[in-house]
Amino acid sequence: MFSLFKPKQQKFFSQEEEAEILNAIREAEQQTSGEVRLFIESKCRFVDPLDRAAEIFFQLKMNETVNRNAVLVYIAAQHHQLAVFADEGIYNKAGQQFWNDAVKDMISKFKKDHIAEGIAEVILNTGTLLKTHFPYDASTDKNELPDDIVFGK
């Protein structure tokens, strides 16, 4: 039996856009031991989306990667907020400017209504960064986190 009160999953992307983003995640991770995930929800319950991204990062146990090299791209669609949260292993190697630029690049694409493209681009750029500092090694690498889009409420 089903519940009449079960909330419907909001559709954020077309099938093509979702495929573009998932392909970007897979492509980014094929070159690195690092992990990239995307979390999307309607509203951010914090004033600062970076605080919410950090909360989600730890809830998804992204801090448990061996090399501390996971990155979360966070978007609150209705509130028009976003953040990129990186674990200490990659954050320290990249420096603050890389993450600031990633957010600016996404905002630039979003303003032109190229949402999926902006997300895919930041994921691919993050993958390139991760490859530089944490290159893929077939003998030791394993996919530590799912390659999916996580949808919140």
N, C-alpha and C. Protein backbone atom coordinates (compact mmCIF):
# COMPACT_ATOMS: atom_id res chain seq x y z
N MET A 1 0.84 -1.18 0.00
CA MET A 1 0.00 0.00 0.00
C MET A 1 0.89 1.25 0.00
N PHE A 2 0.46 2.28 -0.70
CA PHE A 2 1.25 3.49 -0.79
C PHE A 2 0.62 4.60 0.04
N SER A 3 1.44 5.56 0.37
CA SER A 3 0.96 6.69 1.17
C SER A 3 0.59 7.84 0.25
N LEU A 4 -0.54 8.45 0.52
CA LEU A 4 -0.96 9.63 -0.24
C LEU A 4 -0.14 10.86 0.14
N PHE A 5 0.55 10.77 1.25
CA PHE A 5 1.29 11.92 1.75
C PHE A 5 2.78 11.87 1.43
N LYS A 6 3.20 10.88 0.70
CA LYS A 6 4.61 10.77 0.34
C LYS A 6 4.98 11.93 -0.59
N PRO A 7 6.03 12.67 -0.24
CA PRO A 7 6.40 13.81 -1.10
C PRO A 7 6.92 13.35 -2.45
N LYS A 8 6.55 14.09 -3.48
CA LYS A 8 7.04 13.76 -4.82
C LYS A 8 8.48 14.23 -4.96
N GLN A 9 9.27 13.46 -5.71
CA GLN A 9 10.65 13.86 -6.01
C GLN A 9 10.59 14.99 -7.04
N GLN A 10 11.13 16.13 -6.69
CA GLN A 10 11.14 17.25 -7.62
C GLN A 10 12.13 16.94 -8.72
N LYS A 11 11.75 17.24 -9.95
CA LYS A 11 12.61 16.98 -11.09
C LYS A 11 13.44 18.22 -11.37
N PHE A 12 14.74 18.13 -11.13
CA PHE A 12 15.62 19.27 -11.32
C PHE A 12 16.21 19.31 -12.73
N PHE A 13 16.40 18.13 -13.34
CA PHE A 13 17.07 18.05 -14.63
C PHE A 13 16.29 17.19 -15.61
N SER A 14 16.49 17.47 -16.87
CA SER A 14 15.99 16.57 -17.91
C SER A 14 16.86 15.31 -17.88
N GLN A 15 16.45 14.28 -18.58
CA GLN A 15 17.25 13.06 -18.63
C GLN A 15 18.62 13.34 -19.25
N GLU A 16 18.65 14.19 -20.26
CA GLU A 16 19.92 14.52 -20.92
C GLU A 16 20.85 15.28 -19.99
N GLU A 17 20.29 16.22 -19.25
CA GLU A 17 21.10 16.99 -18.31
C GLU A 17 21.64 16.11 -17.19
N GLU A 18 20.79 15.24 -16.68
CA GLU A 18 21.24 14.32 -15.63
C GLU A 18 22.34 13.41 -16.15
N ALA A 19 22.19 12.93 -17.38
CA ALA A 19 23.23 12.08 -17.98
C ALA A 19 24.54 12.86 -18.14
N GLU A 20 24.44 14.13 -18.53
CA GLU A 20 25.64 14.98 -18.68
C GLU A 20 26.38 15.10 -17.35
N ILE A 21 25.65 15.30 -16.29
CA ILE A 21 26.26 15.46 -14.97
C ILE A 21 26.86 14.14 -14.49
N LEU A 22 26.13 13.05 -14.63
CA LEU A 22 26.64 11.74 -14.21
C LEU A 22 27.87 11.35 -15.01
N ASN A 23 27.87 11.66 -16.31
CA ASN A 23 29.05 11.38 -17.13
C ASN A 23 30.24 12.21 -16.67
N ALA A 24 30.00 13.45 -16.27
CA ALA A 24 31.08 14.30 -15.76
C ALA A 24 31.66 13.71 -14.48
N ILE A 25 30.81 13.21 -13.59
CA ILE A 25 31.29 12.59 -12.35
C ILE A 25 32.16 11.38 -12.68
N ARG A 26 31.67 10.51 -13.55
CA ARG A 26 32.44 9.31 -13.92
C ARG A 26 33.76 9.68 -14.59
N GLU A 27 33.71 10.63 -15.51
CA GLU A 27 34.92 11.05 -16.22
C GLU A 27 35.94 11.65 -15.25
N ALA A 28 35.47 12.49 -14.34
CA ALA A 28 36.36 13.11 -13.37
C ALA A 28 37.03 12.06 -12.50
N GLU A 29 36.26 11.06 -12.07
CA GLU A 29 36.79 10.06 -11.15
C GLU A 29 37.64 8.99 -11.83
N GLN A 30 37.55 8.85 -13.15
CA GLN A 30 38.37 7.86 -13.85
C GLN A 30 39.85 8.22 -13.85
N GLN A 31 40.15 9.47 -13.55
CA GLN A 31 41.53 9.94 -13.62
C GLN A 31 42.17 10.14 -12.26
N THR A 32 41.44 9.83 -11.20
CA THR A 32 41.91 10.18 -9.86
C THR A 32 41.40 9.19 -8.82
N SER A 33 42.06 9.17 -7.69
CA SER A 33 41.55 8.40 -6.55
C SER A 33 40.54 9.24 -5.77
N GLY A 34 40.40 10.50 -6.14
CA GLY A 34 39.46 11.40 -5.47
C GLY A 34 38.01 11.06 -5.80
N GLU A 35 37.12 11.63 -5.02
CA GLU A 35 35.69 11.38 -5.17
C GLU A 35 34.95 12.71 -5.29
N VAL A 36 33.95 12.74 -6.17
CA VAL A 36 33.13 13.93 -6.37
C VAL A 36 31.66 13.52 -6.29
N ARG A 37 30.89 14.28 -5.53
CA ARG A 37 29.44 14.03 -5.44
C ARG A 37 28.70 15.35 -5.60
N LEU A 38 27.45 15.22 -6.00
CA LEU A 38 26.57 16.36 -6.17
C LEU A 38 25.35 16.15 -5.28
N PHE A 39 25.02 17.18 -4.48
CA PHE A 39 23.85 17.14 -3.63
C PHE A 39 22.98 18.33 -4.00
N ILE A 40 21.71 18.05 -4.29
CA ILE A 40 20.78 19.10 -4.67
C ILE A 40 19.53 19.00 -3.79
N GLU A 41 19.12 20.15 -3.29
CA GLU A 41 17.86 20.23 -2.55
C GLU A 41 17.18 21.53 -2.92
N SER A 42 15.94 21.66 -2.52
CA SER A 42 15.19 22.86 -2.87
C SER A 42 15.65 24.08 -2.09
N LYS A 43 15.71 23.92 -0.76
CA LYS A 43 16.00 25.06 0.10
C LYS A 43 17.15 24.76 1.05
N CYS A 44 17.95 25.77 1.30
CA CYS A 44 19.05 25.65 2.25
C CYS A 44 18.55 26.13 3.61
N ARG A 45 18.69 25.29 4.60
CA ARG A 45 18.19 25.67 5.92
C ARG A 45 19.19 26.47 6.74
N PHE A 46 20.35 26.75 6.17
CA PHE A 46 21.36 27.56 6.83
C PHE A 46 21.49 28.90 6.09
N VAL A 47 22.01 29.89 6.75
CA VAL A 47 22.25 31.17 6.10
C VAL A 47 23.38 31.02 5.07
N ASP A 48 24.42 30.34 5.46
CA ASP A 48 25.59 30.14 4.60
C ASP A 48 25.52 28.75 3.98
N PRO A 49 25.44 28.65 2.65
CA PRO A 49 25.34 27.33 2.02
C PRO A 49 26.58 26.46 2.26
N LEU A 50 27.71 27.08 2.55
CA LEU A 50 28.91 26.30 2.85
C LEU A 50 28.74 25.51 4.14
N ASP A 51 28.03 26.09 5.10
CA ASP A 51 27.74 25.36 6.35
C ASP A 51 26.85 24.15 6.07
N ARG A 52 25.86 24.33 5.21
CA ARG A 52 24.98 23.21 4.87
C ARG A 52 25.75 22.16 4.08
N ALA A 53 26.61 22.59 3.17
CA ALA A 53 27.43 21.65 2.40
C ALA A 53 28.31 20.82 3.33
N ALA A 54 28.88 21.47 4.33
CA ALA A 54 29.72 20.75 5.30
C ALA A 54 28.89 19.72 6.05
N GLU A 55 27.70 20.10 6.48
CA GLU A 55 26.84 19.17 7.20
C GLU A 55 26.53 17.94 6.33
N ILE A 56 26.18 18.17 5.09
CA ILE A 56 25.86 17.07 4.17
C ILE A 56 27.09 16.22 3.91
N PHE A 57 28.23 16.87 3.71
CA PHE A 57 29.50 16.18 3.46
C PHE A 57 29.74 15.13 4.54
N PHE A 58 29.57 15.52 5.79
CA PHE A 58 29.81 14.58 6.89
C PHE A 58 28.68 13.56 7.02
N GLN A 59 27.45 13.95 6.72
CA GLN A 59 26.34 12.98 6.76
C GLN A 59 26.54 11.89 5.71
N LEU A 60 27.07 12.27 4.55
CA LEU A 60 27.32 11.29 3.49
C LEU A 60 28.63 10.53 3.70
N LYS A 61 29.30 10.81 4.81
CA LYS A 61 30.56 10.16 5.18
C LYS A 61 31.65 10.34 4.12
N MET A 62 31.61 11.50 3.49
CA MET A 62 32.61 11.80 2.47
C MET A 62 33.98 12.06 3.09
N ASN A 63 34.02 12.34 4.37
CA ASN A 63 35.28 12.57 5.08
C ASN A 63 36.01 11.27 5.38
N GLU A 64 35.43 10.14 5.02
CA GLU A 64 36.04 8.84 5.33
C GLU A 64 36.84 8.26 4.16
N THR A 65 37.08 9.05 3.12
CA THR A 65 37.92 8.53 2.04
C THR A 65 39.36 8.41 2.55
N VAL A 66 40.06 7.46 2.02
CA VAL A 66 41.42 7.16 2.50
C VAL A 66 42.33 8.38 2.45
N ASN A 67 42.30 9.10 1.34
CA ASN A 67 43.21 10.24 1.16
C ASN A 67 42.59 11.59 1.49
N ARG A 68 41.37 11.56 2.07
CA ARG A 68 40.67 12.80 2.43
C ARG A 68 40.59 13.73 1.21
N ASN A 69 40.18 13.15 0.08
CA ASN A 69 40.17 13.89 -1.18
C ASN A 69 38.81 13.87 -1.86
N ALA A 70 37.76 13.97 -1.08
CA ALA A 70 36.41 14.03 -1.63
C ALA A 70 35.95 15.48 -1.73
N VAL A 71 35.08 15.72 -2.72
CA VAL A 71 34.55 17.07 -2.95
C VAL A 71 33.05 16.97 -3.15
N LEU A 72 32.32 17.83 -2.47
CA LEU A 72 30.86 17.89 -2.61
C LEU A 72 30.47 19.21 -3.28
N VAL A 73 29.69 19.09 -4.34
CA VAL A 73 29.08 20.25 -4.98
C VAL A 73 27.66 20.31 -4.43
N TYR A 74 27.31 21.43 -3.80
CA TYR A 74 26.02 21.59 -3.14
C TYR A 74 25.21 22.68 -3.82
N ILE A 75 23.92 22.39 -4.06
CA ILE A 75 23.04 23.38 -4.67
C ILE A 75 21.69 23.36 -3.96
N ALA A 76 21.21 24.55 -3.58
CA ALA A 76 19.86 24.73 -3.06
C ALA A 76 19.11 25.52 -4.15
N ALA A 77 18.33 24.80 -4.95
CA ALA A 77 17.75 25.36 -6.17
C ALA A 77 16.82 26.55 -5.93
N GLN A 78 15.84 26.41 -5.06
CA GLN A 78 14.88 27.49 -4.86
C GLN A 78 15.50 28.70 -4.18
N HIS A 79 16.47 28.48 -3.34
CA HIS A 79 17.13 29.58 -2.64
C HIS A 79 18.27 30.19 -3.46
N HIS A 80 18.58 29.57 -4.59
CA HIS A 80 19.65 30.07 -5.46
C HIS A 80 20.97 30.17 -4.71
N GLN A 81 21.28 29.12 -3.98
CA GLN A 81 22.53 29.08 -3.22
C GLN A 81 23.34 27.86 -3.66
N LEU A 82 24.64 27.99 -3.56
CA LEU A 82 25.51 26.87 -3.90
C LEU A 82 26.82 26.99 -3.16
N ALA A 83 27.52 25.87 -3.10
CA ALA A 83 28.83 25.83 -2.45
C ALA A 83 29.59 24.61 -2.97
N VAL A 84 30.89 24.68 -2.84
CA VAL A 84 31.74 23.53 -3.12
C VAL A 84 32.53 23.29 -1.84
N PHE A 85 32.39 22.09 -1.29
CA PHE A 85 33.06 21.75 -0.04
C PHE A 85 34.04 20.62 -0.29
N ALA A 86 35.30 20.86 0.04
CA ALA A 86 36.35 19.88 -0.21
C ALA A 86 36.96 19.42 1.10
N ASP A 87 37.29 18.13 1.15
CA ASP A 87 37.96 17.59 2.33
C ASP A 87 39.37 18.15 2.41
N GLU A 88 39.96 18.04 3.58
CA GLU A 88 41.24 18.70 3.85
C GLU A 88 42.37 18.25 2.94
N GLY A 89 42.36 17.00 2.49
CA GLY A 89 43.44 16.51 1.64
C GLY A 89 43.57 17.27 0.35
N ILE A 90 42.45 17.58 -0.28
CA ILE A 90 42.49 18.32 -1.55
C ILE A 90 42.33 19.82 -1.33
N TYR A 91 41.58 20.22 -0.34
CA TYR A 91 41.39 21.65 -0.08
C TYR A 91 42.74 22.34 0.13
N ASN A 92 43.57 21.77 0.96
CA ASN A 92 44.86 22.37 1.28
C ASN A 92 45.79 22.43 0.08
N LYS A 93 45.72 21.43 -0.78
CA LYS A 93 46.59 21.41 -1.96
C LYS A 93 46.14 22.43 -3.00
N ALA A 94 44.84 22.65 -3.11
CA ALA A 94 44.32 23.56 -4.14
C ALA A 94 44.37 25.02 -3.72
N GLY A 95 44.13 25.27 -2.45
CA GLY A 95 44.07 26.64 -1.97
C GLY A 95 42.69 27.24 -2.15
N GLN A 96 42.38 28.24 -1.38
CA GLN A 96 41.06 28.87 -1.35
C GLN A 96 40.63 29.42 -2.71
N GLN A 97 41.56 29.95 -3.47
CA GLN A 97 41.20 30.60 -4.74
C GLN A 97 40.56 29.62 -5.72
N PHE A 98 41.03 28.39 -5.77
CA PHE A 98 40.43 27.40 -6.68
C PHE A 98 38.95 27.22 -6.37
N TRP A 99 38.62 27.10 -5.09
CA TRP A 99 37.23 26.85 -4.69
C TRP A 99 36.36 28.09 -4.92
N ASN A 100 36.93 29.27 -4.66
CA ASN A 100 36.20 30.50 -4.96
C ASN A 100 35.89 30.62 -6.45
N ASP A 101 36.89 30.29 -7.28
CA ASP A 101 36.70 30.34 -8.73
C ASP A 101 35.68 29.31 -9.19
N ALA A 102 35.66 28.15 -8.58
CA ALA A 102 34.69 27.11 -8.94
C ALA A 102 33.28 27.63 -8.73
N VAL A 103 33.05 28.27 -7.61
CA VAL A 103 31.72 28.82 -7.31
C VAL A 103 31.39 29.94 -8.29
N LYS A 104 32.34 30.83 -8.56
CA LYS A 104 32.11 31.93 -9.50
C LYS A 104 31.78 31.40 -10.89
N ASP A 105 32.48 30.36 -11.32
CA ASP A 105 32.23 29.78 -12.64
C ASP A 105 30.82 29.19 -12.71
N MET A 106 30.40 28.51 -11.65
CA MET A 106 29.04 27.95 -11.64
C MET A 106 28.01 29.07 -11.70
N ILE A 107 28.20 30.10 -10.90
CA ILE A 107 27.25 31.22 -10.89
C ILE A 107 27.16 31.85 -12.28
N SER A 108 28.30 32.00 -12.94
CA SER A 108 28.32 32.58 -14.28
C SER A 108 27.48 31.74 -15.25
N LYS A 109 27.63 30.44 -15.21
CA LYS A 109 26.85 29.55 -16.07
C LYS A 109 25.37 29.57 -15.68
N PHE A 110 25.10 29.58 -14.40
CA PHE A 110 23.72 29.58 -13.92
C PHE A 110 22.98 30.83 -14.39
N LYS A 111 23.67 31.98 -14.37
CA LYS A 111 23.04 33.23 -14.80
C LYS A 111 22.63 33.17 -16.27
N LYS A 112 23.30 32.34 -17.04
CA LYS A 112 22.96 32.16 -18.46
C LYS A 112 22.00 30.99 -18.65
N ASP A 113 21.49 30.46 -17.53
CA ASP A 113 20.55 29.34 -17.52
C ASP A 113 21.18 28.06 -18.08
N HIS A 114 22.47 27.90 -17.86
CA HIS A 114 23.19 26.68 -18.24
C HIS A 114 23.55 25.92 -16.96
N ILE A 115 22.52 25.47 -16.26
CA ILE A 115 22.70 24.87 -14.94
C ILE A 115 23.50 23.57 -15.03
N ALA A 116 23.02 22.63 -15.82
CA ALA A 116 23.69 21.33 -15.92
C ALA A 116 25.11 21.49 -16.44
N GLU A 117 25.27 22.36 -17.42
CA GLU A 117 26.61 22.62 -17.98
C GLU A 117 27.55 23.19 -16.93
N GLY A 118 27.04 24.11 -16.13
CA GLY A 118 27.86 24.70 -15.06
C GLY A 118 28.28 23.67 -14.03
N ILE A 119 27.35 22.79 -13.68
CA ILE A 119 27.67 21.73 -12.70
C ILE A 119 28.69 20.77 -13.29
N ALA A 120 28.44 20.33 -14.52
CA ALA A 120 29.36 19.38 -15.16
C ALA A 120 30.75 19.99 -15.29
N GLU A 121 30.81 21.26 -15.63
CA GLU A 121 32.11 21.93 -15.80
C GLU A 121 32.89 21.98 -14.48
N VAL A 122 32.22 22.33 -13.39
CA VAL A 122 32.93 22.41 -12.11
C VAL A 122 33.37 21.00 -11.67
N ILE A 123 32.58 20.00 -11.97
CA ILE A 123 32.96 18.63 -11.63
C ILE A 123 34.19 18.20 -12.44
N LEU A 124 34.19 18.50 -13.73
CA LEU A 124 35.34 18.13 -14.56
C LEU A 124 36.60 18.89 -14.15
N ASN A 125 36.46 20.18 -13.84
CA ASN A 125 37.61 20.97 -13.37
C ASN A 125 38.14 20.43 -12.04
N THR A 126 37.23 20.02 -11.17
CA THR A 126 37.64 19.42 -9.90
C THR A 126 38.36 18.10 -10.15
N GLY A 127 37.86 17.33 -11.11
CA GLY A 127 38.52 16.08 -11.48
C GLY A 127 39.94 16.30 -11.97
N THR A 128 40.14 17.34 -12.76
CA THR A 128 41.48 17.68 -13.25
C THR A 128 42.39 18.05 -12.09
N LEU A 129 41.88 18.83 -11.17
CA LEU A 129 42.65 19.19 -9.98
C LEU A 129 43.00 17.94 -9.17
N LEU A 130 42.01 17.09 -8.95
CA LEU A 130 42.25 15.86 -8.19
C LEU A 130 43.28 14.98 -8.88
N LYS A 131 43.22 14.91 -10.19
CA LYS A 131 44.17 14.09 -10.96
C LYS A 131 45.61 14.58 -10.71
N THR A 132 45.78 15.88 -10.64
CA THR A 132 47.11 16.46 -10.42
C THR A 132 47.71 16.01 -9.09
N HIS A 133 46.89 15.99 -8.05
CA HIS A 133 47.39 15.70 -6.71
C HIS A 133 47.13 14.27 -6.25
N PHE A 134 46.13 13.63 -6.83
CA PHE A 134 45.76 12.26 -6.45
C PHE A 134 45.46 11.45 -7.70
N PRO A 135 46.51 11.15 -8.49
CA PRO A 135 46.27 10.44 -9.75
C PRO A 135 45.72 9.03 -9.52
N TYR A 136 45.02 8.55 -10.53
CA TYR A 136 44.44 7.22 -10.49
C TYR A 136 45.55 6.17 -10.52
N ASP A 137 45.43 5.16 -9.68
CA ASP A 137 46.36 4.03 -9.66
C ASP A 137 45.51 2.76 -9.68
N ALA A 138 45.52 2.07 -10.81
CA ALA A 138 44.65 0.90 -11.00
C ALA A 138 44.90 -0.19 -9.95
N SER A 139 46.10 -0.25 -9.41
CA SER A 139 46.41 -1.32 -8.46
C SER A 139 45.86 -1.04 -7.05
N THR A 140 45.61 0.23 -6.74
CA THR A 140 45.16 0.55 -5.39
C THR A 140 43.81 1.26 -5.33
N ASP A 141 43.38 1.86 -6.43
CA ASP A 141 42.18 2.69 -6.38
C ASP A 141 40.91 1.86 -6.33
N LYS A 142 39.98 2.33 -5.51
CA LYS A 142 38.64 1.76 -5.52
C LYS A 142 37.67 2.92 -5.41
N ASN A 143 36.50 2.74 -5.97
CA ASN A 143 35.48 3.78 -5.92
C ASN A 143 34.88 3.77 -4.52
N GLU A 144 35.24 4.75 -3.72
CA GLU A 144 34.84 4.76 -2.31
C GLU A 144 33.43 5.29 -2.06
N LEU A 145 32.91 6.07 -3.01
CA LEU A 145 31.58 6.66 -2.85
C LEU A 145 30.78 6.47 -4.14
N PRO A 146 29.47 6.39 -4.04
CA PRO A 146 28.64 6.22 -5.24
C PRO A 146 28.80 7.40 -6.21
N ASP A 147 28.73 7.09 -7.49
CA ASP A 147 28.80 8.12 -8.54
C ASP A 147 27.38 8.50 -8.93
N ASP A 148 26.73 9.25 -8.07
CA ASP A 148 25.34 9.58 -8.31
C ASP A 148 25.05 11.01 -7.89
N ILE A 149 23.85 11.43 -8.17
CA ILE A 149 23.36 12.72 -7.70
C ILE A 149 22.48 12.42 -6.50
N VAL A 150 22.73 13.10 -5.39
CA VAL A 150 21.93 12.91 -4.19
C VAL A 150 20.92 14.06 -4.14
N PHE A 151 19.65 13.70 -4.05
CA PHE A 151 18.59 14.71 -3.98
C PHE A 151 18.05 14.77 -2.57
N GLY A 152 18.07 15.96 -2.00
CA GLY A 152 17.47 16.18 -0.68
C GLY A 152 16.03 16.64 -0.87
N LYS A 153 15.49 17.24 0.14
CA LYS A 153 14.10 17.71 0.07
C LYS A 153 14.00 19.06 -0.55
